[in-house]
Amino acid sequence: MEILTELWKFLRVRKKLWLAPIIIVLLILGGLLILAQGSVVAPFIYTLF
């Protein structure tokens, strides 16, 4: 959790808040790929990429 707070402080101080949505989307997509790795839904998710 400390990594997320430091990342947020860095983005806020450096005025790079426009990067926050990009990072959030990448984390969601990565989590989706990890969770769907062994499921039946995996072939459908991989066709998106």
C-alpha atoms as a PDB file:
ATOM      1  CA  MET A   1       0.000   0.000   0.000  1.00  0.00           C
ATOM      2  CA  GLU A   2       2.961   2.282   0.582  1.00  0.00           C
ATOM      3  CA  ILE A   3       3.841   2.116  -3.106  1.00  0.00           C
ATOM      4  CA  LEU A   4       0.425   3.480  -4.057  1.00  0.00           C
ATOM      5  CA  THR A   5       0.678   6.383  -1.627  1.00  0.00           C
ATOM      6  CA  GLU A   6       4.155   7.285  -2.870  1.00  0.00           C
ATOM      7  CA  LEU A   7       2.969   7.073  -6.470  1.00  0.00           C
ATOM      8  CA  TRP A   8       0.019   9.357  -5.679  1.00  0.00           C
ATOM      9  CA  LYS A   9       2.315  11.873  -3.930  1.00  0.00           C
ATOM     10  CA  PHE A  10       4.700  11.812  -6.898  1.00  0.00           C
ATOM     11  CA  LEU A  11       1.882  12.397  -9.388  1.00  0.00           C
ATOM     12  CA  ARG A  12       0.459  15.228  -7.286  1.00  0.00           C
ATOM     13  CA  VAL A  13       3.772  17.012  -6.705  1.00  0.00           C
ATOM     14  CA  ARG A  14       4.980  16.709 -10.307  1.00  0.00           C
ATOM     15  CA  LYS A  15       1.570  17.778 -11.707  1.00  0.00           C
ATOM     16  CA  LYS A  16       1.241  14.512 -13.608  1.00  0.00           C
ATOM     17  CA  LEU A  17      -2.307  13.671 -12.525  1.00  0.00           C
ATOM     18  CA  TRP A  18      -3.226  12.953 -16.150  1.00  0.00           C
ATOM     19  CA  LEU A  19      -1.220   9.729 -15.793  1.00  0.00           C
ATOM     20  CA  ALA A  20      -3.518   8.397 -13.052  1.00  0.00           C
ATOM     21  CA  PRO A  21      -6.311   7.144 -15.370  1.00  0.00           C
ATOM     22  CA  ILE A  22      -3.766   5.413 -17.606  1.00  0.00           C
ATOM     23  CA  ILE A  23      -2.184   3.642 -14.649  1.00  0.00           C
ATOM     24  CA  ILE A  24      -5.584   2.598 -13.275  1.00  0.00           C
ATOM     25  CA  VAL A  25      -6.690   1.140 -16.623  1.00  0.00           C
ATOM     26  CA  LEU A  26      -3.425  -0.776 -16.985  1.00  0.00           C
ATOM     27  CA  LEU A  27      -3.789  -2.210 -13.483  1.00  0.00           C
ATOM     28  CA  ILE A  28      -7.381  -3.272 -14.160  1.00  0.00           C
ATOM     29  CA  LEU A  29      -6.446  -4.950 -17.442  1.00  0.00           C
ATOM     30  CA  GLY A  30      -3.501  -6.703 -15.813  1.00  0.00           C
ATOM     31  CA  GLY A  31      -5.680  -7.951 -12.968  1.00  0.00           C
ATOM     32  CA  LEU A  32      -8.290  -9.148 -15.434  1.00  0.00           C
ATOM     33  CA  LEU A  33      -5.713 -11.125 -17.377  1.00  0.00           C
ATOM     34  CA  ILE A  34      -4.306 -12.694 -14.225  1.00  0.00           C
ATOM     35  CA  LEU A  35      -7.734 -13.649 -12.866  1.00  0.00           C
ATOM     36  CA  ALA A  36      -8.968 -15.056 -16.179  1.00  0.00           C
ATOM     37  CA  GLN A  37      -5.820 -17.041 -16.890  1.00  0.00           C
ATOM     38  CA  GLY A  38      -7.257 -20.383 -15.863  1.00  0.00           C
ATOM     39  CA  SER A  39     -10.930 -19.800 -16.526  1.00  0.00           C
ATOM     40  CA  VAL A  40     -13.253 -20.546 -19.415  1.00  0.00           C
ATOM     41  CA  VAL A  41     -13.447 -16.838 -20.233  1.00  0.00           C
ATOM     42  CA  ALA A  42      -9.737 -16.620 -21.091  1.00  0.00           C
ATOM     43  CA  PRO A  43     -10.063 -17.208 -24.866  1.00  0.00           C
ATOM     44  CA  PHE A  44     -12.599 -14.394 -25.130  1.00  0.00           C
ATOM     45  CA  ILE A  45     -10.409 -11.964 -23.212  1.00  0.00           C
ATOM     46  CA  TYR A  46      -7.328 -12.772 -25.267  1.00  0.00           C
ATOM     47  CA  THR A  47      -9.214 -12.028 -28.489  1.00  0.00           C
ATOM     48  CA  LEU A  48      -9.572  -8.432 -27.283  1.00  0.00           C
ATOM     49  CA  PHE A  49      -5.834  -7.992 -27.510  1.00  0.00           C
END
